[in-house]
PDB file of N, CA and C in Angstrom:
ATOM      1  N   UNK A   1     205.054  22.002-148.354  1.00  0.00           N
ATOM      2  CA  UNK A   1     204.881  21.193-147.168  1.00  0.00           C
ATOM      3  C   UNK A   1     203.421  20.780-147.075  1.00  0.00           C
ATOM      4  N   UNK A   2     203.179  19.537-146.707  1.00  0.00           N
ATOM      5  CA  UNK A   2     201.819  19.024-146.573  1.00  0.00           C
ATOM      6  C   UNK A   2     201.172  19.577-145.320  1.00  0.00           C
ATOM      7  N   UNK A   3     199.876  19.536-145.344  1.00  0.00           N
ATOM      8  CA  UNK A   3     199.142  19.987-144.163  1.00  0.00           C
ATOM      9  C   UNK A   3     199.350  18.984-143.039  1.00  0.00           C
ATOM     10  N   UNK A   4     199.672  19.455-141.868  1.00  0.00           N
ATOM     11  CA  UNK A   4     199.858  18.595-140.708  1.00  0.00           C
ATOM     12  C   UNK A   4     201.250  18.012-140.580  1.00  0.00           C
ATOM     13  N   UNK A   5     202.096  18.220-141.584  1.00  0.00           N
ATOM     14  CA  UNK A   5     203.463  17.692-141.518  1.00  0.00           C
ATOM     15  C   UNK A   5     204.352  18.677-140.769  1.00  0.00           C
ATOM     16  N   UNK A   6     205.289  18.158-140.061  1.00  0.00           N
ATOM     17  CA  UNK A   6     206.197  19.026-139.317  1.00  0.00           C
ATOM     18  C   UNK A   6     207.274  19.567-140.261  1.00  0.00           C
ATOM     19  N   UNK A   7     207.791  20.734-139.933  1.00  0.00           N
ATOM     20  CA  UNK A   7     208.855  21.276-140.795  1.00  0.00           C
ATOM     21  C   UNK A   7     210.107  20.416-140.707  1.00  0.00           C
ATOM     22  N   UNK A   8     210.906  20.396-141.743  1.00  0.00           N
ATOM     23  CA  UNK A   8     212.120  19.567-141.711  1.00  0.00           C
ATOM     24  C   UNK A   8     213.059  20.030-140.594  1.00  0.00           C
ATOM     25  N   UNK A   9     213.664  19.064-139.939  1.00  0.00           N
ATOM     26  CA  UNK A   9     214.585  19.392-138.856  1.00  0.00           C
ATOM     27  C   UNK A   9     215.965  19.696-139.424  1.00  0.00           C
ATOM     28  N   UNK A  10     216.689  20.534-138.740  1.00  0.00           N
ATOM     29  CA  UNK A  10     218.039  20.889-139.163  1.00  0.00           C
ATOM     30  C   UNK A  10     218.995  19.754-138.808  1.00  0.00           C
ATOM     31  N   UNK A  11     220.018  19.639-139.580  1.00  0.00           N
ATOM     32  CA  UNK A  11     221.044  18.628-139.284  1.00  0.00           C
ATOM     33  C   UNK A  11     221.731  19.003-137.974  1.00  0.00           C
ATOM     34  N   UNK A  12     221.966  18.032-137.140  1.00  0.00           N
ATOM     35  CA  UNK A  12     222.547  18.288-135.832  1.00  0.00           C
ATOM     36  C   UNK A  12     224.069  18.317-135.834  1.00  0.00           C
ATOM     37  N   UNK A  13     224.669  17.804-136.856  1.00  0.00           N
ATOM     38  CA  UNK A  13     226.128  17.813-136.870  1.00  0.00           C
ATOM     39  C   UNK A  13     226.634  18.920-137.779  1.00  0.00           C
ATOM     40  N   UNK A  14     227.815  19.341-137.504  1.00  0.00           N
ATOM     41  CA  UNK A  14     228.448  20.382-138.296  1.00  0.00           C
ATOM     42  C   UNK A  14     229.447  19.733-139.242  1.00  0.00           C
ATOM     43  N   UNK A  15     229.146  19.697-140.550  1.00  0.00           N
ATOM     44  CA  UNK A  15     230.025  18.983-141.472  1.00  0.00           C
ATOM     45  C   UNK A  15     231.435  19.565-141.535  1.00  0.00           C
ATOM     46  N   UNK A  16     231.577  20.856-141.427  1.00  0.00           N
ATOM     47  CA  UNK A  16     232.906  21.453-141.478  1.00  0.00           C
ATOM     48  C   UNK A  16     233.759  21.059-140.283  1.00  0.00           C
ATOM     49  N   UNK A  17     233.163  21.021-139.113  1.00  0.00           N
ATOM     50  CA  UNK A  17     233.898  20.659-137.900  1.00  0.00           C
ATOM     51  C   UNK A  17     234.322  19.190-137.932  1.00  0.00           C
ATOM     52  N   UNK A  18     233.444  18.338-138.406  1.00  0.00           N
ATOM     53  CA  UNK A  18     233.774  16.915-138.489  1.00  0.00           C
ATOM     54  C   UNK A  18     234.903  16.671-139.494  1.00  0.00           C
ATOM     55  N   UNK A  19     234.905  17.389-140.582  1.00  0.00           N
ATOM     56  CA  UNK A  19     235.962  17.232-141.584  1.00  0.00           C
ATOM     57  C   UNK A  19     237.309  17.661-141.007  1.00  0.00           C
ATOM     58  N   UNK A  20     237.338  18.747-140.258  1.00  0.00           N
ATOM     59  CA  UNK A  20     238.593  19.198-139.650  1.00  0.00           C
ATOM     60  C   UNK A  20     239.091  18.200-138.614  1.00  0.00           C
ATOM     61  N   UNK A  21     238.177  17.649-137.843  1.00  0.00           N
ATOM     62  CA  UNK A  21     238.569  16.667-136.833  1.00  0.00           C
ATOM     63  C   UNK A  21     239.134  15.410-137.485  1.00  0.00           C
ATOM     64  N   UNK A  22     238.492  14.950-138.532  1.00  0.00           N
ATOM     65  CA  UNK A  22     238.981  13.771-139.251  1.00  0.00           C
ATOM     66  C   UNK A  22     240.351  14.040-139.863  1.00  0.00           C
ATOM     67  N   UNK A  23     240.508  15.200-140.470  1.00  0.00           N
ATOM     68  CA  UNK A  23     241.795  15.547-141.081  1.00  0.00           C
ATOM     69  C   UNK A  23     242.890  15.637-140.022  1.00  0.00           C
ATOM     70  N   UNK A  24     242.577  16.231-138.875  1.00  0.00           N
ATOM     71  CA  UNK A  24     243.574  16.343-137.801  1.00  0.00           C
ATOM     72  C   UNK A  24     243.965  14.964-137.278  1.00  0.00           C
ATOM     73  N   UNK A  25     242.986  14.070-137.111  1.00  0.00           N
ATOM     74  CA  UNK A  25     243.300  12.722-136.643  1.00  0.00           C
ATOM     75  C   UNK A  25     244.167  11.969-137.642  1.00  0.00           C
ATOM     76  N   UNK A  26     243.895  12.138-138.920  1.00  0.00           N
ATOM     77  CA  UNK A  26     244.700  11.464-139.942  1.00  0.00           C
ATOM     78  C   UNK A  26     246.105  12.047-139.975  1.00  0.00           C
ATOM     79  N   UNK A  27     246.214  13.371-139.909  1.00  0.00           N
ATOM     80  CA  UNK A  27     247.525  14.018-139.979  1.00  0.00           C
ATOM     81  C   UNK A  27     248.382  13.642-138.778  1.00  0.00           C
ATOM     82  N   UNK A  28     247.789  13.542-137.605  1.00  0.00           N
ATOM     83  CA  UNK A  28     248.545  13.200-136.401  1.00  0.00           C
ATOM     84  C   UNK A  28     248.665  11.691-136.223  1.00  0.00           C
ATOM     85  N   UNK A  29     247.570  10.961-136.440  1.00  0.00           N
ATOM     86  CA  UNK A  29     247.538   9.532-136.151  1.00  0.00           C
ATOM     87  C   UNK A  29     248.304   8.666-137.122  1.00  0.00           C
ATOM     88  N   UNK A  30     248.291   9.011-138.379  1.00  0.00           N
ATOM     89  CA  UNK A  30     248.952   8.170-139.374  1.00  0.00           C
ATOM     90  C   UNK A  30     250.468   8.103-139.167  1.00  0.00           C
ATOM     91  N   UNK A  31     251.159   9.228-138.981  1.00  0.00           N
ATOM     92  CA  UNK A  31     252.605   9.104-138.711  1.00  0.00           C
ATOM     93  C   UNK A  31     252.904   8.363-137.408  1.00  0.00           C
ATOM     94  N   UNK A  32     252.084   8.561-136.375  1.00  0.00           N
ATOM     95  CA  UNK A  32     252.297   7.825-135.127  1.00  0.00           C
ATOM     96  C   UNK A  32     252.118   6.326-135.331  1.00  0.00           C
ATOM     97  N   UNK A  33     251.113   5.944-136.111  1.00  0.00           N
ATOM     98  CA  UNK A  33     250.890   4.524-136.388  1.00  0.00           C
ATOM     99  C   UNK A  33     252.039   3.931-137.191  1.00  0.00           C
ATOM    100  N   UNK A  34     252.564   4.686-138.134  1.00  0.00           N
ATOM    101  CA  UNK A  34     253.687   4.204-138.940  1.00  0.00           C
ATOM    102  C   UNK A  34     254.918   3.993-138.061  1.00  0.00           C
ATOM    103  N   UNK A  35     255.195   4.947-137.174  1.00  0.00           N
ATOM    104  CA  UNK A  35     256.346   4.817-136.276  1.00  0.00           C
ATOM    105  C   UNK A  35     256.148   3.628-135.338  1.00  0.00           C
ATOM    106  N   UNK A  36     254.922   3.458-134.830  1.00  0.00           N
ATOM    107  CA  UNK A  36     254.640   2.347-133.915  1.00  0.00           C
ATOM    108  C   UNK A  36     254.859   0.994-134.605  1.00  0.00           C
ATOM    109  N   UNK A  37     254.330   0.838-135.797  1.00  0.00           N
ATOM    110  CA  UNK A  37     254.496  -0.424-136.527  1.00  0.00           C
ATOM    111  C   UNK A  37     255.967  -0.659-136.857  1.00  0.00           C
ATOM    112  N   UNK A  38     256.670   0.397-137.245  1.00  0.00           N
ATOM    113  CA  UNK A  38     258.095   0.256-137.537  1.00  0.00           C
ATOM    114  C   UNK A  38     258.857  -0.199-136.299  1.00  0.00           C
ATOM    115  N   UNK A  39     258.570   0.397-135.147  1.00  0.00           N
ATOM    116  CA  UNK A  39     259.225  -0.027-133.912  1.00  0.00           C
ATOM    117  C   UNK A  39     258.854  -1.457-133.537  1.00  0.00           C
ATOM    118  N   UNK A  40     257.590  -1.811-133.731  1.00  0.00           N
ATOM    119  CA  UNK A  40     257.145  -3.168-133.374  1.00  0.00           C
ATOM    120  C   UNK A  40     257.820  -4.231-134.228  1.00  0.00           C
ATOM    121  N   UNK A  41     258.233  -3.872-135.423  1.00  0.00           N
ATOM    122  CA  UNK A  41     258.864  -4.854-136.305  1.00  0.00           C
ATOM    123  C   UNK A  41     260.386  -4.810-136.279  1.00  0.00           C
ATOM    124  N   UNK A  42     260.976  -3.680-135.899  1.00  0.00           N
ATOM    125  CA  UNK A  42     262.429  -3.554-136.030  1.00  0.00           C
ATOM    126  C   UNK A  42     263.148  -3.205-134.739  1.00  0.00           C
ATOM    127  N   UNK A  43     262.471  -3.147-133.614  1.00  0.00           N
ATOM    128  CA  UNK A  43     263.129  -2.775-132.354  1.00  0.00           C
ATOM    129  C   UNK A  43     264.220  -3.794-132.039  1.00  0.00           C
ATOM    130  N   UNK A  44     265.383  -3.342-131.562  1.00  0.00           N
ATOM    131  CA  UNK A  44     266.495  -4.281-131.335  1.00  0.00           C
ATOM    132  C   UNK A  44     266.246  -5.312-130.241  1.00  0.00           C
ATOM    133  N   UNK A  45     265.484  -4.956-129.224  1.00  0.00           N
ATOM    134  CA  UNK A  45     265.237  -5.868-128.110  1.00  0.00           C
ATOM    135  C   UNK A  45     264.045  -6.780-128.453  1.00  0.00           C
ATOM    136  N   UNK A  46     264.231  -8.104-128.501  1.00  0.00           N
ATOM    137  CA  UNK A  46     263.139  -9.002-128.876  1.00  0.00           C
ATOM    138  C   UNK A  46     261.953  -8.955-127.910  1.00  0.00           C
ATOM    139  N   UNK A  47     262.209  -8.817-126.622  1.00  0.00           N
ATOM    140  CA  UNK A  47     261.106  -8.752-125.656  1.00  0.00           C
ATOM    141  C   UNK A  47     260.270  -7.495-125.875  1.00  0.00           C
ATOM    142  N   UNK A  48     260.913  -6.389-126.200  1.00  0.00           N
ATOM    143  CA  UNK A  48     260.168  -5.156-126.485  1.00  0.00           C
ATOM    144  C   UNK A  48     259.359  -5.298-127.766  1.00  0.00           C
ATOM    145  N   UNK A  49     259.915  -5.983-128.770  1.00  0.00           N
ATOM    146  CA  UNK A  49     259.151  -6.223-130.006  1.00  0.00           C
ATOM    147  C   UNK A  49     257.895  -7.036-129.716  1.00  0.00           C
ATOM    148  N   UNK A  50     258.033  -8.056-128.881  1.00  0.00           N
ATOM    149  CA  UNK A  50     256.884  -8.890-128.532  1.00  0.00           C
ATOM    150  C   UNK A  50     255.827  -8.062-127.805  1.00  0.00           C
ATOM    151  N   UNK A  51     256.253  -7.228-126.862  1.00  0.00           N
ATOM    152  CA  UNK A  51     255.311  -6.381-126.130  1.00  0.00           C
ATOM    153  C   UNK A  51     254.637  -5.367-127.052  1.00  0.00           C
ATOM    154  N   UNK A  52     255.398  -4.750-127.943  1.00  0.00           N
ATOM    155  CA  UNK A  52     254.823  -3.765-128.860  1.00  0.00           C
ATOM    156  C   UNK A  52     253.822  -4.406-129.822  1.00  0.00           C
ATOM    157  N   UNK A  53     254.080  -5.628-130.241  1.00  0.00           N
ATOM    158  CA  UNK A  53     253.146  -6.301-131.151  1.00  0.00           C
ATOM    159  C   UNK A  53     251.875  -6.750-130.445  1.00  0.00           C
ATOM    160  N   UNK A  54     251.967  -7.077-129.172  1.00  0.00           N
ATOM    161  CA  UNK A  54     250.817  -7.597-128.440  1.00  0.00           C
ATOM    162  C   UNK A  54     249.987  -6.505-127.775  1.00  0.00           C
ATOM    163  N   UNK A  55     250.551  -5.347-127.538  1.00  0.00           N
ATOM    164  CA  UNK A  55     249.880  -4.275-126.803  1.00  0.00           C
ATOM    165  C   UNK A  55     248.578  -3.779-127.433  1.00  0.00           C
ATOM    166  N   UNK A  56     248.438  -3.670-128.761  1.00  0.00           N
ATOM    167  CA  UNK A  56     247.174  -3.187-129.317  1.00  0.00           C
ATOM    168  C   UNK A  56     245.971  -4.090-129.033  1.00  0.00           C
ATOM    169  N   UNK A  57     246.190  -5.313-128.621  1.00  0.00           N
ATOM    170  CA  UNK A  57     245.085  -6.222-128.315  1.00  0.00           C
ATOM    171  C   UNK A  57     244.418  -5.850-126.990  1.00  0.00           C
ATOM    172  N   UNK A  58     245.162  -5.250-126.066  1.00  0.00           N
ATOM    173  CA  UNK A  58     244.657  -4.966-124.719  1.00  0.00           C
ATOM    174  C   UNK A  58     243.412  -4.080-124.702  1.00  0.00           C
ATOM    175  N   UNK A  59     243.376  -2.926-125.390  1.00  0.00           N
ATOM    176  CA  UNK A  59     242.145  -2.128-125.338  1.00  0.00           C
ATOM    177  C   UNK A  59     240.935  -2.842-125.929  1.00  0.00           C
ATOM    178  N   UNK A  60     241.151  -3.622-126.967  1.00  0.00           N
ATOM    179  CA  UNK A  60     240.036  -4.366-127.563  1.00  0.00           C
ATOM    180  C   UNK A  60     239.526  -5.437-126.610  1.00  0.00           C
ATOM    181  N   UNK A  61     240.427  -6.091-125.919  1.00  0.00           N
ATOM    182  CA  UNK A  61     240.014  -7.114-124.951  1.00  0.00           C
ATOM    183  C   UNK A  61     239.258  -6.478-123.789  1.00  0.00           C
ATOM    184  N   UNK A  62     239.736  -5.354-123.290  1.00  0.00           N
ATOM    185  CA  UNK A  62     239.045  -4.675-122.194  1.00  0.00           C
ATOM    186  C   UNK A  62     237.666  -4.220-122.642  1.00  0.00           C
ATOM    187  N   UNK A  63     237.576  -3.664-123.852  1.00  0.00           N
ATOM    188  CA  UNK A  63     236.264  -3.229-124.356  1.00  0.00           C
ATOM    189  C   UNK A  63     235.307  -4.413-124.443  1.00  0.00           C
ATOM    190  N   UNK A  64     235.777  -5.512-124.985  1.00  0.00           N
ATOM    191  CA  UNK A  64     234.910  -6.674-125.166  1.00  0.00           C
ATOM    192  C   UNK A  64     234.450  -7.257-123.836  1.00  0.00           C
ATOM    193  N   UNK A  65     235.338  -7.319-122.869  1.00  0.00           N
ATOM    194  CA  UNK A  65     234.999  -7.986-121.608  1.00  0.00           C
ATOM    195  C   UNK A  65     234.268  -7.099-120.619  1.00  0.00           C
ATOM    196  N   UNK A  66     234.524  -5.783-120.614  1.00  0.00           N
ATOM    197  CA  UNK A  66     233.930  -4.924-119.587  1.00  0.00           C
ATOM    198  C   UNK A  66     232.951  -3.893-120.123  1.00  0.00           C
ATOM    199  N   UNK A  67     233.122  -3.391-121.346  1.00  0.00           N
ATOM    200  CA  UNK A  67     232.331  -2.254-121.795  1.00  0.00           C
ATOM    201  C   UNK A  67     231.312  -2.567-122.877  1.00  0.00           C
ATOM    202  N   UNK A  68     231.430  -3.681-123.535  1.00  0.00           N
ATOM    203  CA  UNK A  68     230.503  -4.045-124.597  1.00  0.00           C
ATOM    204  C   UNK A  68     229.126  -4.336-124.021  1.00  0.00           C
ATOM    205  N   UNK A  69     228.081  -4.080-124.807  1.00  0.00           N
ATOM    206  CA  UNK A  69     226.715  -4.299-124.337  1.00  0.00           C
ATOM    207  C   UNK A  69     226.405  -5.749-124.023  1.00  0.00           C
ATOM    208  N   UNK A  70     226.968  -6.672-124.748  1.00  0.00           N
ATOM    209  CA  UNK A  70     226.747  -8.109-124.516  1.00  0.00           C
ATOM    210  C   UNK A  70     227.938  -8.696-123.776  1.00  0.00           C
ATOM    211  N   UNK A  71     228.179  -8.210-122.579  1.00  0.00           N
ATOM    212  CA  UNK A  71     229.336  -8.646-121.802  1.00  0.00           C
ATOM    213  C   UNK A  71     229.203 -10.112-121.398  1.00  0.00           C
ATOM    214  N   UNK A  72     230.317 -10.841-121.497  1.00  0.00           N
ATOM    215  CA  UNK A  72     230.275 -12.219-121.008  1.00  0.00           C
ATOM    216  C   UNK A  72     230.213 -12.253-119.488  1.00  0.00           C
ATOM    217  N   UNK A  73     229.675 -13.298-118.956  1.00  0.00           N
ATOM    218  CA  UNK A  73     229.564 -13.546-117.512  1.00  0.00           C
ATOM    219  C   UNK A  73     228.619 -12.574-116.815  1.00  0.00           C
ATOM    220  N   UNK A  74     227.750 -11.891-117.538  1.00  0.00           N
ATOM    221  CA  UNK A  74     226.898 -10.866-116.923  1.00  0.00           C
ATOM    222  C   UNK A  74     225.875 -11.473-115.966  1.00  0.00           C
ATOM    223  N   UNK A  75     225.352 -12.654-116.263  1.00  0.00           N
ATOM    224  CA  UNK A  75     224.325 -13.260-115.410  1.00  0.00           C
ATOM    225  C   UNK A  75     224.928 -14.067-114.258  1.00  0.00           C
ATOM    226  N   UNK A  76     226.232 -14.173-114.200  1.00  0.00           N
ATOM    227  CA  UNK A  76     226.890 -14.969-113.157  1.00  0.00           C
ATOM    228  C   UNK A  76     226.975 -14.183-111.850  1.00  0.00           C
ATOM    229  N   UNK A  77     227.259 -14.879-110.747  1.00  0.00           N
ATOM    230  CA  UNK A  77     227.506 -14.162-109.490  1.00  0.00           C
ATOM    231  C   UNK A  77     228.715 -13.229-109.627  1.00  0.00           C
ATOM    232  N   UNK A  78     228.786 -12.282-108.718  1.00  0.00           N
ATOM    233  CA  UNK A  78     229.812 -11.236-108.814  1.00  0.00           C
ATOM    234  C   UNK A  78     231.231 -11.806-108.861  1.00  0.00           C
ATOM    235  N   UNK A  79     231.551 -12.762-108.001  1.00  0.00           N
ATOM    236  CA  UNK A  79     232.908 -13.299-107.964  1.00  0.00           C
ATOM    237  C   UNK A  79     233.246 -14.026-109.258  1.00  0.00           C
ATOM    238  N   UNK A  80     232.272 -14.740-109.819  1.00  0.00           N
ATOM    239  CA  UNK A  80     232.512 -15.465-111.072  1.00  0.00           C
ATOM    240  C   UNK A  80     232.588 -14.493-112.251  1.00  0.00           C
ATOM    241  N   UNK A  81     231.791 -13.436-112.198  1.00  0.00           N
ATOM    242  CA  UNK A  81     231.785 -12.451-113.274  1.00  0.00           C
ATOM    243  C   UNK A  81     233.152 -11.769-113.374  1.00  0.00           C
ATOM    244  N   UNK A  82     233.642 -11.261-112.246  1.00  0.00           N
ATOM    245  CA  UNK A  82     234.920 -10.546-112.276  1.00  0.00           C
ATOM    246  C   UNK A  82     236.094 -11.502-112.476  1.00  0.00           C
ATOM    247  N   UNK A  83     236.053 -12.644-111.827  1.00  0.00           N
ATOM    248  CA  UNK A  83     237.116 -13.625-112.009  1.00  0.00           C
ATOM    249  C   UNK A  83     237.166 -14.157-113.434  1.00  0.00           C
ATOM    250  N   UNK A  84     235.995 -14.425-114.000  1.00  0.00           N
ATOM    251  CA  UNK A  84     235.948 -14.914-115.379  1.00  0.00           C
ATOM    252  C   UNK A  84     236.453 -13.892-116.368  1.00  0.00           C
ATOM    253  N   UNK A  85     236.094 -12.628-116.150  1.00  0.00           N
ATOM    254  CA  UNK A  85     236.589 -11.576-117.039  1.00  0.00           C
ATOM    255  C   UNK A  85     238.102 -11.425-116.920  1.00  0.00           C
ATOM    256  N   UNK A  86     238.614 -11.470-115.698  1.00  0.00           N
ATOM    257  CA  UNK A  86     240.051 -11.329-115.499  1.00  0.00           C
ATOM    258  C   UNK A  86     240.813 -12.504-116.122  1.00  0.00           C
ATOM    259  N   UNK A  87     240.322 -13.720-115.911  1.00  0.00           N
ATOM    260  CA  UNK A  87     240.973 -14.881-116.522  1.00  0.00           C
ATOM    261  C   UNK A  87     240.867 -14.841-118.050  1.00  0.00           C
ATOM    262  N   UNK A  88     239.735 -14.375-118.563  1.00  0.00           N
ATOM    263  CA  UNK A  88     239.592 -14.239-120.017  1.00  0.00           C
ATOM    264  C   UNK A  88     240.568 -13.208-120.568  1.00  0.00           C
ATOM    265  N   UNK A  89     240.732 -12.099-119.848  1.00  0.00           N
ATOM    266  CA  UNK A  89     241.690 -11.076-120.278  1.00  0.00           C
ATOM    267  C   UNK A  89     243.112 -11.632-120.301  1.00  0.00           C
ATOM    268  N   UNK A  90     243.479 -12.378-119.267  1.00  0.00           N
ATOM    269  CA  UNK A  90     244.810 -12.980-119.237  1.00  0.00           C
ATOM    270  C   UNK A  90     244.990 -13.997-120.363  1.00  0.00           C
ATOM    271  N   UNK A  91     243.957 -14.782-120.646  1.00  0.00           N
ATOM    272  CA  UNK A  91     244.037 -15.763-121.735  1.00  0.00           C
ATOM    273  C   UNK A  91     244.154 -15.071-123.092  1.00  0.00           C
ATOM    274  N   UNK A  92     243.403 -13.995-123.291  1.00  0.00           N
ATOM    275  CA  UNK A  92     243.478 -13.254-124.557  1.00  0.00           C
ATOM    276  C   UNK A  92     244.860 -12.656-124.740  1.00  0.00           C
ATOM    277  N   UNK A  93     245.406 -12.065-123.676  1.00  0.00           N
ATOM    278  CA  UNK A  93     246.741 -11.457-123.788  1.00  0.00           C
ATOM    279  C   UNK A  93     247.817 -12.533-123.984  1.00  0.00           C
ATOM    280  N   UNK A  94     247.665 -13.680-123.343  1.00  0.00           N
ATOM    281  CA  UNK A  94     248.630 -14.768-123.551  1.00  0.00           C
ATOM    282  C   UNK A  94     248.584 -15.255-124.997  1.00  0.00           C
ATOM    283  N   UNK A  95     247.390 -15.377-125.551  1.00  0.00           N
ATOM    284  CA  UNK A  95     247.260 -15.781-126.944  1.00  0.00           C
ATOM    285  C   UNK A  95     247.863 -14.733-127.879  1.00  0.00           C
ATOM    286  N   UNK A  96     247.645 -13.455-127.560  1.00  0.00           N
ATOM    287  CA  UNK A  96     248.228 -12.387-128.381  1.00  0.00           C
ATOM    288  C   UNK A  96     249.751 -12.420-128.319  1.00  0.00           C
ATOM    289  N   UNK A  97     250.295 -12.657-127.140  1.00  0.00           N
ATOM    290  CA  UNK A  97     251.758 -12.726-127.012  1.00  0.00           C
ATOM    291  C   UNK A  97     252.291 -13.909-127.803  1.00  0.00           C
ATOM    292  N   UNK A  98     251.619 -15.034-127.734  1.00  0.00           N
ATOM    293  CA  UNK A  98     252.096 -16.218-128.453  1.00  0.00           C
ATOM    294  C   UNK A  98     251.993 -16.019-129.959  1.00  0.00           C
ATOM    295  N   UNK A  99     250.834 -15.590-130.429  1.00  0.00           N
ATOM    296  CA  UNK A  99     250.638 -15.469-131.881  1.00  0.00           C
ATOM    297  C   UNK A  99     251.343 -14.257-132.477  1.00  0.00           C
ATOM    298  N   UNK A 100     251.085 -13.074-131.899  1.00  0.00           N
ATOM    299  CA  UNK A 100     251.631 -11.850-132.476  1.00  0.00           C
ATOM    300  C   UNK A 100     253.079 -11.601-132.063  1.00  0.00           C
ATOM    301  N   UNK A 101     253.430 -12.042-130.884  1.00  0.00           N
ATOM    302  CA  UNK A 101     254.770 -11.763-130.401  1.00  0.00           C
ATOM    303  C   UNK A 101     255.762 -12.852-130.726  1.00  0.00           C
ATOM    304  N   UNK A 102     255.616 -13.978-130.068  1.00  0.00           N
ATOM    305  CA  UNK A 102     256.610 -15.044-130.215  1.00  0.00           C
ATOM    306  C   UNK A 102     256.652 -15.624-131.618  1.00  0.00           C
ATOM    307  N   UNK A 103     255.495 -15.897-132.200  1.00  0.00           N
ATOM    308  CA  UNK A 103     255.480 -16.521-133.523  1.00  0.00           C
ATOM    309  C   UNK A 103     256.052 -15.583-134.584  1.00  0.00           C
ATOM    310  N   UNK A 104     255.611 -14.304-134.577  1.00  0.00           N
ATOM    311  CA  UNK A 104     256.156 -13.369-135.562  1.00  0.00           C
ATOM    312  C   UNK A 104     257.632 -13.095-135.309  1.00  0.00           C
ATOM    313  N   UNK A 105     258.031 -13.063-134.060  1.00  0.00           N
ATOM    314  CA  UNK A 105     259.439 -12.856-133.755  1.00  0.00           C
ATOM    315  C   UNK A 105     260.269 -14.030-134.271  1.00  0.00           C
ATOM    316  N   UNK A 106     259.793 -15.238-134.057  1.00  0.00           N
ATOM    317  CA  UNK A 106     260.506 -16.416-134.527  1.00  0.00           C
ATOM    318  C   UNK A 106     260.525 -16.478-136.048  1.00  0.00           C
ATOM    319  N   UNK A 107     259.416 -16.074-136.661  1.00  0.00           N
ATOM    320  CA  UNK A 107     259.290 -16.156-138.114  1.00  0.00           C
ATOM    321  C   UNK A 107     260.179 -15.138-138.825  1.00  0.00           C
ATOM    322  N   UNK A 108     260.237 -13.918-138.311  1.00  0.00           N
ATOM    323  CA  UNK A 108     260.942 -12.855-139.025  1.00  0.00           C
ATOM    324  C   UNK A 108     262.307 -12.517-138.440  1.00  0.00           C
ATOM    325  N   UNK A 109     262.727 -13.151-137.382  1.00  0.00           N
ATOM    326  CA  UNK A 109     264.026 -12.855-136.792  1.00  0.00           C
ATOM    327  C   UNK A 109     265.033 -13.864-137.298  1.00  0.00           C
ATOM    328  N   UNK A 110     265.961 -13.441-138.136  1.00  0.00           N
ATOM    329  CA  UNK A 110     266.897 -14.414-138.696  1.00  0.00           C
ATOM    330  C   UNK A 110     267.822 -15.042-137.666  1.00  0.00           C
ATOM    331  N   UNK A 111     268.100 -14.314-136.580  1.00  0.00           N
ATOM    332  CA  UNK A 111     268.984 -14.851-135.547  1.00  0.00           C
ATOM    333  C   UNK A 111     268.253 -15.796-134.596  1.00  0.00           C
ATOM    334  N   UNK A 112     266.923 -15.801-134.640  1.00  0.00           N
ATOM    335  CA  UNK A 112     266.092 -16.638-133.767  1.00  0.00           C
ATOM    336  C   UNK A 112     266.471 -16.439-132.304  1.00  0.00           C
ATOM    337  N   UNK A 113     266.447 -15.169-131.885  1.00  0.00           N
ATOM    338  CA  UNK A 113     266.890 -14.806-130.532  1.00  0.00           C
ATOM    339  C   UNK A 113     266.005 -15.444-129.489  1.00  0.00           C
ATOM    340  N   UNK A 114     264.695 -15.398-129.652  1.00  0.00           N
ATOM    341  CA  UNK A 114     263.785 -15.983-128.653  1.00  0.00           C
ATOM    342  C   UNK A 114     263.158 -17.232-129.202  1.00  0.00           C
TER     343      UNK A 114
END
């Protein structure tokens, strides 16, 4: 060690604990994701298929509009900020329903139920 240099700091994370957490998430999350995707593509009710396909967009839209550091409408007045975020959320979900729900349902449903 050089003169005047500070001693090396210890690592703050525990590699063994992180590996177990990652393994547990993969072991639990992967089968749940497979079942979810299977239901979203093969559920008998077309409206439920559309909802299942569009639902994963909601947390991402909420994160982007309310929790992200560069939130839109931040410099606007309060009524415009909240109204703009709410209208943006509705527009994002409508687009998700149209693209992920209705279009995929129409494309892959041989009976063309909806």
